[in-house]
N, C-alpha and C. Protein backbone atom coordinates (compact mmCIF):
# COMPACT_ATOMS: atom_id res chain seq x y z
N MET A 1 102.97 105.74 94.70
CA MET A 1 103.69 104.90 93.86
C MET A 1 105.11 105.42 93.94
N ARG A 2 106.35 104.79 94.02
CA ARG A 2 107.49 105.06 94.18
C ARG A 2 108.15 104.42 92.98
N VAL A 3 109.13 105.45 92.47
CA VAL A 3 110.17 105.14 91.07
C VAL A 3 111.49 105.61 91.92
N ARG A 4 111.74 104.10 91.48
CA ARG A 4 113.29 103.89 92.20
C ARG A 4 113.65 104.62 93.61
N GLY A 5 112.59 103.75 94.76
CA GLY A 5 112.89 104.33 96.02
C GLY A 5 111.72 105.50 96.61
N LYS A 6 111.49 106.26 95.51
CA LYS A 6 110.83 107.39 96.14
C LYS A 6 109.51 107.45 95.59
N ASN A 7 108.86 108.14 96.74
CA ASN A 7 107.20 108.00 96.53
C ASN A 7 106.66 109.18 95.23
N LEU A 8 105.60 108.93 94.70
CA LEU A 8 105.11 110.14 93.76
C LEU A 8 103.76 110.01 94.32
N GLY A 9 103.64 111.23 94.53
CA GLY A 9 101.99 112.09 95.33
C GLY A 9 101.12 112.05 93.93
N SER A 10 99.89 112.70 94.35
CA SER A 10 99.01 112.93 93.61
C SER A 10 99.29 113.93 92.47
N ARG A 11 100.20 114.75 92.52
CA ARG A 11 100.21 115.68 91.60
C ARG A 11 101.56 115.23 90.68
N ALA A 12 102.15 114.10 90.86
CA ALA A 12 103.65 113.62 89.99
C ALA A 12 102.68 112.24 89.84
N TRP A 13 102.02 111.77 90.24
CA TRP A 13 101.78 110.00 89.45
C TRP A 13 101.32 110.26 88.45
N HIS A 14 100.77 111.18 88.17
CA HIS A 14 99.93 111.45 86.65
C HIS A 14 101.06 110.90 85.72
N ASP A 15 102.20 111.71 85.93
CA ASP A 15 103.41 111.92 84.92
C ASP A 15 104.21 110.39 84.67
N PHE A 16 103.50 109.72 85.09
CA PHE A 16 104.52 108.34 85.43
C PHE A 16 103.65 107.72 84.14
N THR A 17 103.26 107.98 83.26
CA THR A 17 102.47 106.89 81.95
C THR A 17 103.43 106.08 81.55
N HIS A 18 104.31 106.05 81.34
CA HIS A 18 105.30 105.59 79.67
C HIS A 18 105.21 103.91 80.14
N ILE A 19 104.48 103.11 80.62
CA ILE A 19 104.31 101.32 80.54
C ILE A 19 103.10 101.15 79.59
N ILE A 20 103.47 100.22 79.02
CA ILE A 20 102.38 99.24 78.29
C ILE A 20 102.62 97.70 78.93
N ARG A 21 102.82 97.11 78.12
CA ARG A 21 102.98 95.41 78.40
C ARG A 21 104.82 95.81 78.96
N TYR A 22 105.41 95.85 78.37
CA TYR A 22 106.66 95.91 78.38
C TYR A 22 107.60 97.21 78.73
N PRO A 23 106.12 97.57 77.52
CA PRO A 23 106.66 98.97 76.79
C PRO A 23 107.34 99.65 77.79
N ILE A 24 110.03 102.48 78.90
CA ILE A 24 111.22 102.82 79.27
C ILE A 24 111.73 104.04 79.76
N GLY A 25 112.56 103.95 80.54
CA GLY A 25 113.01 105.66 80.32
C GLY A 25 112.52 106.42 81.35
N ILE A 26 112.33 105.98 83.07
CA ILE A 26 111.92 106.82 83.66
C ILE A 26 112.75 107.36 84.71
N GLY A 27 112.44 108.04 85.17
CA GLY A 27 113.54 109.05 86.20
C GLY A 27 112.85 109.92 86.97
N LEU A 28 111.66 110.03 87.40
CA LEU A 28 111.34 110.98 88.20
C LEU A 28 111.40 110.91 89.73
N SER A 29 111.35 112.21 90.13
CA SER A 29 111.71 112.35 91.61
C SER A 29 110.71 113.05 92.14
N LEU A 30 110.68 113.32 93.41
CA LEU A 30 109.41 113.72 94.05
C LEU A 30 110.04 115.81 94.07
N SER A 31 109.12 116.73 93.96
CA SER A 31 109.56 118.06 93.93
C SER A 31 109.74 118.15 95.62
N PRO A 32 110.88 118.88 96.25
CA PRO A 32 111.41 119.33 97.50
C PRO A 32 109.88 119.39 98.47
N GLU A 33 108.99 120.32 98.03
CA GLU A 33 108.42 120.86 98.99
C GLU A 33 107.22 119.56 99.01
N LEU A 34 106.99 118.64 98.02
CA LEU A 34 106.08 117.27 98.38
C LEU A 34 106.52 116.39 99.82
N ASP A 35 105.58 116.37 100.39
CA ASP A 35 105.78 115.38 102.07
C ASP A 35 105.40 114.05 101.48
N PRO A 36 106.43 113.00 101.53
CA PRO A 36 106.26 111.39 101.11
C PRO A 36 104.81 111.29 102.07
N GLU A 37 105.27 111.53 103.51
CA GLU A 37 104.01 111.08 104.19
C GLU A 37 102.88 111.44 103.83
N GLU A 38 102.59 112.64 103.29
CA GLU A 38 101.53 113.22 103.08
C GLU A 38 100.44 112.23 101.97
N PHE A 39 101.52 112.15 101.15
CA PHE A 39 100.70 111.37 100.18
C PHE A 39 100.71 109.58 99.99
N MET A 40 101.37 109.17 101.32
CA MET A 40 101.17 107.71 101.19
C MET A 40 99.65 107.04 101.09
N ALA A 41 98.68 108.09 101.80
CA ALA A 41 97.63 107.64 101.59
C ALA A 41 96.54 108.26 100.65
N ALA A 42 97.14 108.84 99.65
CA ALA A 42 96.66 110.14 98.68
C ALA A 42 95.85 108.76 98.10
N LEU A 43 94.72 109.47 97.78
CA LEU A 43 93.36 108.81 97.02
C LEU A 43 93.18 109.34 95.74
N ILE A 44 92.40 108.84 94.52
CA ILE A 44 92.26 108.99 92.94
C ILE A 44 90.81 108.87 92.77
N ASP A 45 90.47 110.04 92.43
CA ASP A 45 88.80 109.75 92.38
C ASP A 45 89.18 108.59 90.77
N ALA A 46 87.58 107.90 90.91
CA ALA A 46 87.63 107.37 89.33
C ALA A 46 87.97 108.04 88.25
N ILE A 47 87.24 108.98 88.18
CA ILE A 47 86.89 110.08 87.29
C ILE A 47 88.15 110.65 86.79
N ASP A 48 89.50 110.43 87.28
CA ASP A 48 90.65 111.44 87.20
C ASP A 48 91.42 110.24 86.83
N VAL A 49 91.39 108.90 86.78
CA VAL A 49 92.03 108.03 85.94
C VAL A 49 92.01 107.99 84.91
N LYS A 50 93.50 108.12 83.89
CA LYS A 50 94.07 108.29 82.55
C LYS A 50 94.15 107.13 81.89
N ARG A 51 94.01 107.27 80.90
CA ARG A 51 95.12 106.11 80.14
C ARG A 51 96.12 106.32 80.61
N LYS A 52 97.00 105.18 80.67
CA LYS A 52 98.43 104.62 81.34
C LYS A 52 98.93 104.94 82.31
N ALA A 53 97.47 105.66 83.42
CA ALA A 53 97.72 105.83 84.79
C ALA A 53 97.81 104.64 85.88
N PHE A 54 98.40 104.53 86.79
CA PHE A 54 98.39 103.66 87.55
C PHE A 54 97.49 103.51 88.96
N PHE A 55 96.80 102.49 89.01
CA PHE A 55 95.97 102.40 90.32
C PHE A 55 95.98 101.14 91.01
N GLU A 56 95.62 101.37 92.70
CA GLU A 56 95.65 100.17 93.08
C GLU A 56 93.87 99.57 93.32
N PHE A 57 93.39 98.33 93.52
CA PHE A 57 91.82 98.33 93.20
C PHE A 57 91.72 96.30 93.85
N GLU A 58 91.19 96.36 95.21
CA GLU A 58 91.26 95.41 96.04
C GLU A 58 92.28 94.70 96.28
N ASN A 59 93.53 95.84 96.13
CA ASN A 59 94.83 95.40 96.60
C ASN A 59 95.60 94.75 95.77
N VAL A 60 95.28 94.98 94.51
CA VAL A 60 95.74 94.38 93.43
C VAL A 60 96.43 95.78 92.49
N PRO A 61 97.42 95.85 92.25
CA PRO A 61 98.16 97.19 91.17
C PRO A 61 97.24 96.95 89.67
N TYR A 62 96.80 98.08 89.05
CA TYR A 62 96.17 97.82 87.77
C TYR A 62 96.84 98.99 86.81
N CYS A 63 97.22 98.86 85.59
CA CYS A 63 97.49 99.69 84.33
C CYS A 63 96.23 99.90 83.48
N CYS A 64 95.43 101.21 83.58
CA CYS A 64 94.40 101.81 82.88
C CYS A 64 95.15 101.82 81.46
N MET A 65 94.35 101.15 80.47
CA MET A 65 94.48 100.97 79.06
C MET A 65 93.54 102.30 78.08
N GLU A 66 92.19 102.19 78.60
CA GLU A 66 91.68 102.84 78.20
C GLU A 66 90.24 103.74 79.86
N ALA A 67 89.92 105.12 79.01
CA ALA A 67 88.98 105.42 80.06
C ALA A 67 87.92 105.98 79.41
N ASP A 68 86.47 105.71 79.46
CA ASP A 68 85.56 105.93 79.00
C ASP A 68 84.49 106.62 79.99
N VAL A 69 84.23 107.97 80.03
CA VAL A 69 82.99 108.13 80.89
C VAL A 69 81.89 108.61 80.35
N SER A 70 80.45 108.42 81.12
CA SER A 70 79.50 108.46 80.68
C SER A 70 78.38 109.77 81.50
N THR A 71 78.27 110.54 80.70
CA THR A 71 77.51 111.29 81.79
C THR A 71 76.20 111.23 81.50
N PRO A 72 75.67 111.33 82.62
CA PRO A 72 73.89 110.84 82.78
C PRO A 72 72.96 111.92 82.06
N THR A 73 72.27 111.55 81.08
CA THR A 73 70.96 112.42 80.55
C THR A 73 70.16 113.01 81.30
N ALA A 74 69.53 112.17 82.33
CA ALA A 74 68.73 112.23 83.09
C ALA A 74 69.09 112.81 84.33
N ARG A 75 68.05 113.72 85.16
CA ARG A 75 68.37 114.41 86.15
C ARG A 75 68.39 113.39 87.26
N GLY A 76 69.50 113.54 88.06
CA GLY A 76 69.99 112.71 89.34
C GLY A 76 70.47 111.77 88.70
N GLY A 77 71.00 111.31 87.49
CA GLY A 77 71.72 110.06 87.41
C GLY A 77 73.07 110.27 87.85
N GLN A 78 73.87 109.25 87.85
CA GLN A 78 75.15 109.21 87.90
C GLN A 78 76.46 109.31 87.15
N THR A 79 77.16 109.89 86.87
CA THR A 79 78.44 109.40 86.34
C THR A 79 79.34 108.27 86.14
N LEU A 80 79.28 107.90 85.13
CA LEU A 80 80.31 106.76 85.22
C LEU A 80 81.48 106.93 84.70
N VAL A 81 82.53 105.65 85.03
CA VAL A 81 83.62 105.89 84.32
C VAL A 81 84.08 104.30 84.10
N ARG A 82 84.03 103.72 82.82
CA ARG A 82 84.63 102.46 82.90
C ARG A 82 85.66 102.25 82.05
N LEU A 83 86.36 101.50 82.83
CA LEU A 83 87.79 101.64 82.70
C LEU A 83 88.28 100.20 81.76
N LYS A 84 89.22 99.98 81.37
CA LYS A 84 90.08 98.75 80.56
C LYS A 84 91.33 98.69 81.29
N MET A 85 91.60 97.58 81.83
CA MET A 85 92.71 97.85 83.13
C MET A 85 93.33 96.30 82.82
N ARG A 86 94.56 96.43 82.95
CA ARG A 86 95.32 95.21 82.94
C ARG A 86 95.72 94.86 84.67
N ASN A 87 96.12 93.77 84.88
CA ASN A 87 96.08 93.58 86.21
C ASN A 87 97.99 93.17 86.46
N LEU A 88 98.94 93.85 86.63
CA LEU A 88 100.03 94.23 86.76
C LEU A 88 100.77 93.02 86.99
N LEU A 89 100.10 92.13 88.32
CA LEU A 89 100.15 90.93 88.57
C LEU A 89 99.85 89.49 87.94
N THR A 90 99.11 89.77 87.14
CA THR A 90 98.73 88.44 86.06
C THR A 90 98.68 88.87 84.52
N GLN A 91 98.40 90.06 84.10
CA GLN A 91 98.43 90.68 82.74
C GLN A 91 97.40 90.08 82.58
N ALA A 92 96.46 89.74 83.07
CA ALA A 92 94.70 89.75 82.78
C ALA A 92 94.24 91.11 82.52
N VAL A 93 93.42 91.01 81.53
CA VAL A 93 92.83 92.52 80.93
C VAL A 93 91.50 92.17 81.07
N PHE A 94 90.76 93.18 81.70
CA PHE A 94 89.23 93.28 81.49
C PHE A 94 88.92 94.76 81.54
N GLU A 95 86.93 94.60 81.76
CA GLU A 95 86.66 96.37 81.86
C GLU A 95 85.89 96.01 83.13
N LYS A 96 86.00 97.42 84.13
CA LYS A 96 84.97 97.25 84.89
C LYS A 96 84.40 98.88 84.74
N THR A 97 83.17 98.94 85.14
CA THR A 97 82.69 100.07 85.40
C THR A 97 82.43 100.49 86.83
N PHE A 98 83.12 101.96 87.20
CA PHE A 98 82.77 102.37 88.43
C PHE A 98 82.10 103.78 88.48
N LYS A 99 81.75 104.59 89.78
CA LYS A 99 81.19 105.39 89.71
C LYS A 99 82.45 106.49 89.97
N ALA A 100 81.92 107.86 88.94
CA ALA A 100 82.90 108.70 88.93
C ALA A 100 83.36 109.04 90.53
N SER A 101 82.87 108.69 91.54
CA SER A 101 83.11 109.14 92.75
C SER A 101 84.15 108.00 93.39
N ASP A 102 83.84 106.90 92.83
CA ASP A 102 84.96 105.97 93.50
C ASP A 102 86.46 106.32 93.86
N LYS A 103 86.92 105.93 94.65
CA LYS A 103 88.12 105.99 95.06
C LYS A 103 89.38 104.75 95.07
N PHE A 104 90.27 105.37 94.38
CA PHE A 104 91.57 104.44 94.25
C PHE A 104 92.66 104.65 95.25
N LYS A 105 93.57 103.54 95.64
CA LYS A 105 94.79 103.84 96.04
C LYS A 105 95.75 103.75 95.37
N GLU A 106 96.87 104.74 95.64
CA GLU A 106 98.33 105.04 94.62
C GLU A 106 99.00 103.62 95.14
N PRO A 107 99.51 102.69 94.14
CA PRO A 107 99.86 101.49 94.11
C PRO A 107 101.44 101.74 94.57
N ASP A 108 102.26 101.03 95.57
CA ASP A 108 103.18 101.03 96.13
C ASP A 108 103.81 100.23 94.96
N LEU A 109 104.12 100.80 93.87
CA LEU A 109 105.02 100.54 92.53
C LEU A 109 106.53 101.14 92.41
N GLN A 110 107.45 100.24 92.10
CA GLN A 110 108.83 100.68 92.02
C GLN A 110 109.01 100.30 90.77
N ILE A 111 110.24 101.20 90.05
CA ILE A 111 110.77 100.53 88.66
C ILE A 111 112.26 100.87 88.83
N SER A 112 112.90 100.06 88.73
CA SER A 112 114.57 99.92 88.69
C SER A 112 115.14 99.34 87.48
N PRO A 113 116.26 99.80 87.32
CA PRO A 113 116.78 99.14 85.58
C PRO A 113 117.94 97.93 86.37
N ALA A 114 117.80 96.74 85.54
CA ALA A 114 118.30 95.39 85.67
C ALA A 114 118.92 94.99 84.63
N SER A 115 119.86 94.01 84.65
CA SER A 115 120.39 93.46 83.80
C SER A 115 120.03 92.02 83.66
N TYR A 116 119.73 91.39 82.41
CA TYR A 116 119.30 90.01 82.33
C TYR A 116 120.63 89.14 82.73
N LEU A 117 120.20 88.03 83.42
CA LEU A 117 121.33 87.07 83.62
C LEU A 117 121.30 86.12 82.77
N TYR A 118 120.06 85.12 83.16
CA TYR A 118 120.19 83.98 82.43
C TYR A 118 118.44 83.42 82.67
N SER A 119 117.98 82.24 82.24
CA SER A 119 116.93 81.36 82.60
C SER A 119 117.35 80.22 82.65
N ASP A 120 116.34 79.47 83.84
CA ASP A 120 116.33 78.37 84.00
C ASP A 120 114.91 77.70 84.45
N ASN A 121 114.96 76.65 85.10
CA ASN A 121 113.36 75.98 85.27
C ASN A 121 112.70 76.57 86.47
N ASP A 122 113.95 77.51 87.34
CA ASP A 122 112.98 78.97 88.34
C ASP A 122 112.39 80.00 87.76
N GLY A 123 112.70 80.21 86.42
CA GLY A 123 112.19 81.37 85.77
C GLY A 123 113.28 82.31 85.44
N SER A 124 113.38 83.24 85.23
CA SER A 124 114.79 84.26 84.48
C SER A 124 115.28 85.25 85.68
N HIS A 125 116.16 85.29 85.48
CA HIS A 125 116.78 85.82 86.84
C HIS A 125 117.63 87.15 86.15
N PHE A 126 117.54 88.03 87.00
CA PHE A 126 118.26 89.84 86.49
C PHE A 126 118.80 90.00 88.10
N LEU A 127 119.84 91.23 87.62
CA LEU A 127 120.60 91.79 88.59
C LEU A 127 120.10 93.19 88.79
N ASP A 128 119.65 93.71 89.77
CA ASP A 128 119.14 94.57 89.98
C ASP A 128 120.60 95.96 90.09
N GLN A 129 120.28 96.65 89.19
CA GLN A 129 121.51 97.68 89.13
C GLN A 129 121.59 98.30 90.30
N GLU A 130 121.07 98.79 90.96
CA GLU A 130 120.59 99.49 91.92
C GLU A 130 121.08 98.82 93.31
N THR A 131 120.55 97.60 93.55
CA THR A 131 120.51 96.85 94.79
C THR A 131 121.51 95.98 95.08
N TYR A 132 121.76 95.52 93.50
CA TYR A 132 123.27 94.20 93.12
C TYR A 132 122.17 93.15 93.45
N GLU A 133 120.63 92.69 93.71
CA GLU A 133 120.09 92.02 94.22
C GLU A 133 119.77 90.91 92.48
N THR A 134 120.05 89.77 93.21
CA THR A 134 119.39 89.05 92.19
C THR A 134 117.78 88.51 92.08
N LEU A 135 117.11 88.81 91.29
CA LEU A 135 115.59 89.22 91.26
C LEU A 135 114.92 88.30 90.25
N THR A 136 114.40 87.39 90.33
CA THR A 136 113.60 86.22 89.77
C THR A 136 112.18 86.32 89.38
N LEU A 137 112.10 86.37 87.87
CA LEU A 137 110.81 86.54 87.46
C LEU A 137 110.30 84.89 87.07
N THR A 138 108.76 85.06 86.81
CA THR A 138 108.31 83.62 86.49
C THR A 138 108.16 83.65 84.90
N GLU A 139 107.97 82.56 84.73
CA GLU A 139 107.70 82.49 83.04
C GLU A 139 106.19 83.28 82.67
N GLU A 140 105.11 83.29 83.89
CA GLU A 140 104.11 83.89 83.42
C GLU A 140 104.52 86.00 83.83
N MET A 141 105.42 86.12 84.46
CA MET A 141 105.71 87.28 84.46
C MET A 141 106.54 87.85 83.34
N MET A 142 107.21 86.60 82.47
CA MET A 142 108.02 87.26 81.64
C MET A 142 107.50 87.49 80.42
N GLY A 143 105.95 86.34 80.26
CA GLY A 143 105.40 86.62 78.35
C GLY A 143 106.72 85.91 77.78
N ASP A 144 106.29 86.75 76.78
CA ASP A 144 107.47 86.36 75.23
C ASP A 144 108.94 87.18 75.18
N ALA A 145 109.47 87.77 76.95
CA ALA A 145 109.95 88.97 76.44
C ALA A 145 111.42 88.55 75.96
N LEU A 146 111.64 86.82 76.40
CA LEU A 146 112.78 86.23 76.11
C LEU A 146 113.09 85.98 74.41
N ASP A 147 111.94 86.07 73.83
CA ASP A 147 112.38 86.54 72.37
C ASP A 147 113.36 87.69 72.28
N LEU A 148 112.95 88.34 72.96
CA LEU A 148 114.16 89.96 72.79
C LEU A 148 115.18 90.31 73.97
N LEU A 149 115.43 88.96 74.37
CA LEU A 149 116.83 89.48 75.19
C LEU A 149 117.99 88.71 75.11
N VAL A 150 118.94 89.08 75.30
CA VAL A 150 120.31 88.25 75.46
C VAL A 150 120.94 88.74 76.66
N GLU A 151 122.08 87.77 77.07
CA GLU A 151 122.66 88.04 78.29
C GLU A 151 123.33 89.54 78.47
N GLY A 152 122.93 90.22 79.58
CA GLY A 152 123.56 91.70 79.69
C GLY A 152 122.39 92.71 79.15
N ALA A 153 121.39 92.45 78.46
CA ALA A 153 120.49 93.25 78.39
C ALA A 153 119.99 93.83 79.62
N ILE A 154 119.71 95.57 79.44
CA ILE A 154 119.25 96.25 80.67
C ILE A 154 117.98 96.41 80.19
N ILE A 155 117.00 95.97 81.14
CA ILE A 155 115.92 96.11 81.52
C ILE A 155 115.10 97.00 82.76
N GLN A 156 114.12 97.30 82.08
CA GLN A 156 112.81 98.14 83.62
C GLN A 156 112.11 97.27 84.67
N LEU A 157 112.52 96.89 86.05
CA LEU A 157 112.07 95.82 86.56
C LEU A 157 111.19 96.31 87.58
N HIS A 158 109.94 96.07 87.45
CA HIS A 158 108.58 96.50 88.04
C HIS A 158 108.87 95.70 89.36
N LYS A 159 108.66 96.34 90.45
CA LYS A 159 108.29 95.73 91.55
C LYS A 159 107.01 96.54 92.29
N PHE A 160 106.09 95.63 93.24
CA PHE A 160 105.23 96.24 93.78
C PHE A 160 105.37 95.56 94.95
N ASN A 161 105.25 96.25 96.45
CA ASN A 161 105.37 96.25 97.55
C ASN A 161 106.62 95.55 97.49
N GLY A 162 107.79 95.83 96.98
CA GLY A 162 109.21 95.39 96.95
C GLY A 162 109.36 94.44 96.42
N ASN A 163 108.47 93.55 95.87
CA ASN A 163 108.86 92.12 95.30
C ASN A 163 108.48 92.11 93.61
N PRO A 164 109.40 91.45 92.72
CA PRO A 164 109.09 91.87 91.25
C PRO A 164 107.82 91.07 90.52
N ILE A 165 107.62 91.84 90.03
CA ILE A 165 106.27 91.77 89.39
C ILE A 165 106.20 91.59 87.79
N GLY A 166 107.22 92.10 86.90
CA GLY A 166 107.13 92.10 85.86
C GLY A 166 108.62 93.43 85.06
N LEU A 167 108.56 93.38 83.81
CA LEU A 167 109.47 94.10 83.31
C LEU A 167 109.18 94.63 82.04
N GLU A 168 109.77 96.30 81.49
CA GLU A 168 109.67 96.80 80.98
C GLU A 168 111.02 96.75 79.84
N LEU A 169 110.50 96.34 78.38
CA LEU A 169 111.47 96.26 77.99
C LEU A 169 111.74 97.58 76.97
N PRO A 170 112.78 98.20 76.56
CA PRO A 170 113.14 99.23 76.03
C PRO A 170 112.39 99.56 74.61
N ASN A 171 112.03 100.82 73.91
CA ASN A 171 111.35 100.61 72.42
C ASN A 171 112.05 100.05 71.48
N HIS A 172 113.46 99.85 71.43
CA HIS A 172 114.06 98.90 70.57
C HIS A 172 115.30 98.18 71.42
N VAL A 173 116.05 97.13 70.66
CA VAL A 173 116.64 96.09 71.01
C VAL A 173 117.60 95.75 69.90
N GLU A 174 119.20 95.48 70.45
CA GLU A 174 120.13 95.00 69.87
C GLU A 174 120.29 93.49 69.27
N LEU A 175 120.28 92.95 67.88
CA LEU A 175 120.03 91.59 68.17
C LEU A 175 120.58 90.96 66.88
N THR A 176 121.82 90.31 67.08
CA THR A 176 122.76 89.62 66.21
C THR A 176 121.76 88.56 64.77
N ILE A 177 121.68 88.56 63.74
CA ILE A 177 121.34 87.60 62.76
C ILE A 177 121.90 86.38 62.78
N ALA A 178 121.54 85.42 63.35
CA ALA A 178 122.24 84.20 63.51
C ALA A 178 121.84 83.20 62.03
N TYR A 179 121.05 83.37 61.35
CA TYR A 179 120.85 83.07 59.87
C TYR A 179 119.86 83.32 59.25
N THR A 180 120.09 84.05 57.83
CA THR A 180 119.71 84.65 56.55
C THR A 180 119.93 83.96 55.21
N GLU A 181 119.65 83.55 54.53
CA GLU A 181 119.99 83.60 52.94
C GLU A 181 120.13 85.25 52.45
N PRO A 182 121.54 84.66 51.84
CA PRO A 182 121.83 85.58 51.15
C PRO A 182 120.82 86.43 49.63
N GLY A 183 121.06 87.51 49.59
CA GLY A 183 119.86 88.41 48.64
C GLY A 183 120.38 88.12 47.38
N ALA A 184 119.38 87.65 46.56
CA ALA A 184 119.87 87.55 45.32
C ALA A 184 120.53 88.63 44.58
N LYS A 185 121.26 87.72 43.06
CA LYS A 185 121.91 89.05 42.80
C LYS A 185 120.89 89.81 42.03
N GLY A 186 121.64 91.37 42.24
CA GLY A 186 120.83 92.38 41.24
C GLY A 186 120.03 92.68 42.27
N ASP A 187 119.32 92.38 43.56
CA ASP A 187 118.67 92.78 44.23
C ASP A 187 118.88 94.07 44.84
N SER A 188 117.70 94.98 44.75
CA SER A 188 118.01 96.35 45.40
C SER A 188 118.33 96.53 46.73
N ALA A 189 118.84 97.48 47.46
CA ALA A 189 119.45 97.47 48.63
C ALA A 189 118.69 98.41 49.42
N GLY A 190 117.27 98.76 48.66
CA GLY A 190 116.35 99.51 49.11
C GLY A 190 115.59 99.43 50.35
N GLY A 191 115.26 98.05 50.16
CA GLY A 191 114.52 97.24 51.60
C GLY A 191 113.31 97.22 51.41
N SER A 192 112.96 97.71 49.89
CA SER A 192 111.32 97.19 49.38
C SER A 192 110.75 95.55 49.44
N VAL A 193 111.52 94.60 49.37
CA VAL A 193 111.61 93.82 49.26
C VAL A 193 112.18 92.60 50.24
N THR A 194 112.09 91.66 51.13
CA THR A 194 112.11 91.38 52.75
C THR A 194 112.89 89.59 52.83
N LYS A 195 113.33 89.40 53.28
CA LYS A 195 113.74 87.79 53.53
C LYS A 195 113.64 87.36 54.73
N SER A 196 113.47 86.52 55.29
CA SER A 196 113.05 85.85 56.68
C SER A 196 114.46 85.39 57.18
N ALA A 197 114.85 85.62 58.59
CA ALA A 197 116.07 85.91 59.18
C ALA A 197 115.61 85.22 60.87
N LYS A 198 116.62 84.38 61.08
CA LYS A 198 116.42 83.94 62.63
C LYS A 198 117.41 84.77 62.97
N LEU A 199 116.97 85.34 64.54
CA LEU A 199 118.08 86.17 65.09
C LEU A 199 118.94 85.31 65.96
N GLU A 200 119.82 85.72 67.17
CA GLU A 200 120.14 85.02 68.49
C GLU A 200 119.04 84.42 69.27
N THR A 201 118.34 84.96 69.65
CA THR A 201 117.47 84.64 70.33
C THR A 201 116.23 83.31 69.82
N GLY A 202 116.15 83.54 68.70
CA GLY A 202 115.42 82.47 67.73
C GLY A 202 114.61 82.97 67.02
N LEU A 203 113.98 84.24 67.64
CA LEU A 203 113.01 84.61 67.47
C LEU A 203 113.08 84.99 65.68
N GLU A 204 112.48 85.03 64.58
CA GLU A 204 112.08 85.12 63.34
C GLU A 204 111.75 86.13 62.59
N ILE A 205 112.47 87.17 62.06
CA ILE A 205 111.43 88.58 61.67
C ILE A 205 111.82 88.51 59.93
N ARG A 206 111.28 89.58 59.45
CA ARG A 206 111.42 90.35 58.00
C ARG A 206 112.68 91.12 58.15
N VAL A 207 113.55 90.89 56.83
CA VAL A 207 114.95 91.79 57.21
C VAL A 207 114.35 92.73 55.78
N PRO A 208 115.50 93.60 55.50
CA PRO A 208 115.69 93.86 53.94
C PRO A 208 116.77 92.95 53.32
N LEU A 209 116.51 92.56 51.92
CA LEU A 209 117.54 91.69 51.49
C LEU A 209 118.97 92.09 51.30
N PHE A 210 119.16 93.26 52.07
CA PHE A 210 121.05 93.26 51.93
C PHE A 210 121.58 93.18 53.13
N ILE A 211 120.45 92.94 53.99
CA ILE A 211 121.27 92.47 55.65
C ILE A 211 121.75 90.87 55.32
N LYS A 212 123.44 90.78 56.36
CA LYS A 212 123.51 89.65 56.18
C LYS A 212 123.81 88.79 57.22
N GLU A 213 123.88 87.66 57.52
CA GLU A 213 124.30 86.65 58.61
C GLU A 213 125.36 87.30 59.16
N GLY A 214 124.99 87.42 60.60
CA GLY A 214 126.31 87.98 61.30
C GLY A 214 125.82 90.04 61.75
N GLU A 215 125.45 90.24 61.08
CA GLU A 215 124.99 91.45 60.95
C GLU A 215 123.87 91.75 62.35
N LYS A 216 124.01 92.80 62.99
CA LYS A 216 123.38 93.47 64.27
C LYS A 216 122.04 94.44 64.10
N VAL A 217 121.12 93.96 64.33
CA VAL A 217 119.90 94.75 63.62
C VAL A 217 119.32 95.62 65.09
N LYS A 218 118.70 96.48 64.56
CA LYS A 218 117.44 96.88 65.75
C LYS A 218 116.38 96.26 65.39
N VAL A 219 115.37 96.02 66.62
CA VAL A 219 114.31 95.65 66.52
C VAL A 219 113.26 96.29 67.64
N SER A 220 112.05 96.48 66.61
CA SER A 220 111.34 96.99 67.92
C SER A 220 110.77 95.95 68.62
N THR A 221 110.45 96.33 69.71
CA THR A 221 109.63 95.67 70.93
C THR A 221 108.59 95.57 71.14
N GLU A 222 107.54 96.60 70.34
CA GLU A 222 106.46 96.89 70.14
C GLU A 222 105.78 95.60 68.92
N THR A 223 106.43 96.01 68.16
CA THR A 223 105.43 95.11 66.58
C THR A 223 107.05 94.11 66.59
N ARG A 224 107.87 94.02 67.09
CA ARG A 224 109.12 92.65 66.97
C ARG A 224 109.26 92.87 65.01
N GLU A 225 109.67 93.61 64.59
CA GLU A 225 109.91 94.34 63.25
C GLU A 225 111.56 94.86 63.33
N PHE A 226 111.92 94.03 61.98
CA PHE A 226 112.82 95.08 61.68
C PHE A 226 113.11 96.77 61.62
N ALA A 227 113.88 97.32 62.59
CA ALA A 227 113.54 98.56 62.63
C ALA A 227 115.36 99.40 62.16
N GLY A 228 116.04 98.98 61.63
CA GLY A 228 117.06 99.39 60.78
C GLY A 228 118.64 98.73 61.26
N ARG A 229 119.67 99.23 60.84
CA ARG A 229 120.95 98.36 60.79
C ARG A 229 121.35 98.95 62.77
N ALA A 230 121.85 98.13 63.31
CA ALA A 230 122.44 98.56 64.62
C ALA A 230 123.50 99.37 64.50
C-alpha cells in the first residue's frame, strides 16, 4: 500500500487504519531500513486482518469493517475468519468466511490531499494538492459527500493503482447557515432546545436556538449533526 507515493510494508500497513466511509489525517512514511521492493509482493494471512485494515481480494481493494475468528472445538478442525468487508470501488458491504491461512495482497492504495472544485454532469472535480492534476469522482464514488462540501474544501482523495476511487472527509467541516428561524424571545442559549437550519449546501440539521442565519458552524461528517460554532 502507498500513502502519498510511498509503499507501506507489512510492519507499517497495520498502522494505516483511519478510514471508514470518508472517514483524515494520514501522513505515514516508511522507515529508512524498509526495502520497498521487498514488500511489493508482501502477503498477509486472513487471521491477521484486523478492523479498518486494507487488503486486496480478487484484484479488488477492501477495507475490513469487522473480523471474527472461529476456533475449532474438534481435533483437526480449521480456524476460520469471518470478515465484514467494504469494496472500496463500489462501496458494497458483505461478509465472507476465509481459512485462517488464506493470504491477501496489500492493495496499491494512495491517499493525497485535494481541494473540491465543482460538480457537473461528468462528476465531481478535485485538484490534487501534490500533482496539481484535476481528478474526477463519479456520483457513485461521491455518495452523499456533496452535502458537506463547498468550493475549496480540503479532503483526502483515495486512489487505487493510480486511479481515483473515493474520498475521505475530515471529522468536521465548517458550513454557513443559509436559513433558520430566529429563536423565540426568552429562549435559553444553553442549546437544550433546537430548531431546524438549512446549510449553504442544502443539508438541513438541528441547531441550538441561539444560532443565527449567516453564522458558520461545525458539522460532524460522521453523524451530520451540529458540533459547535466555527
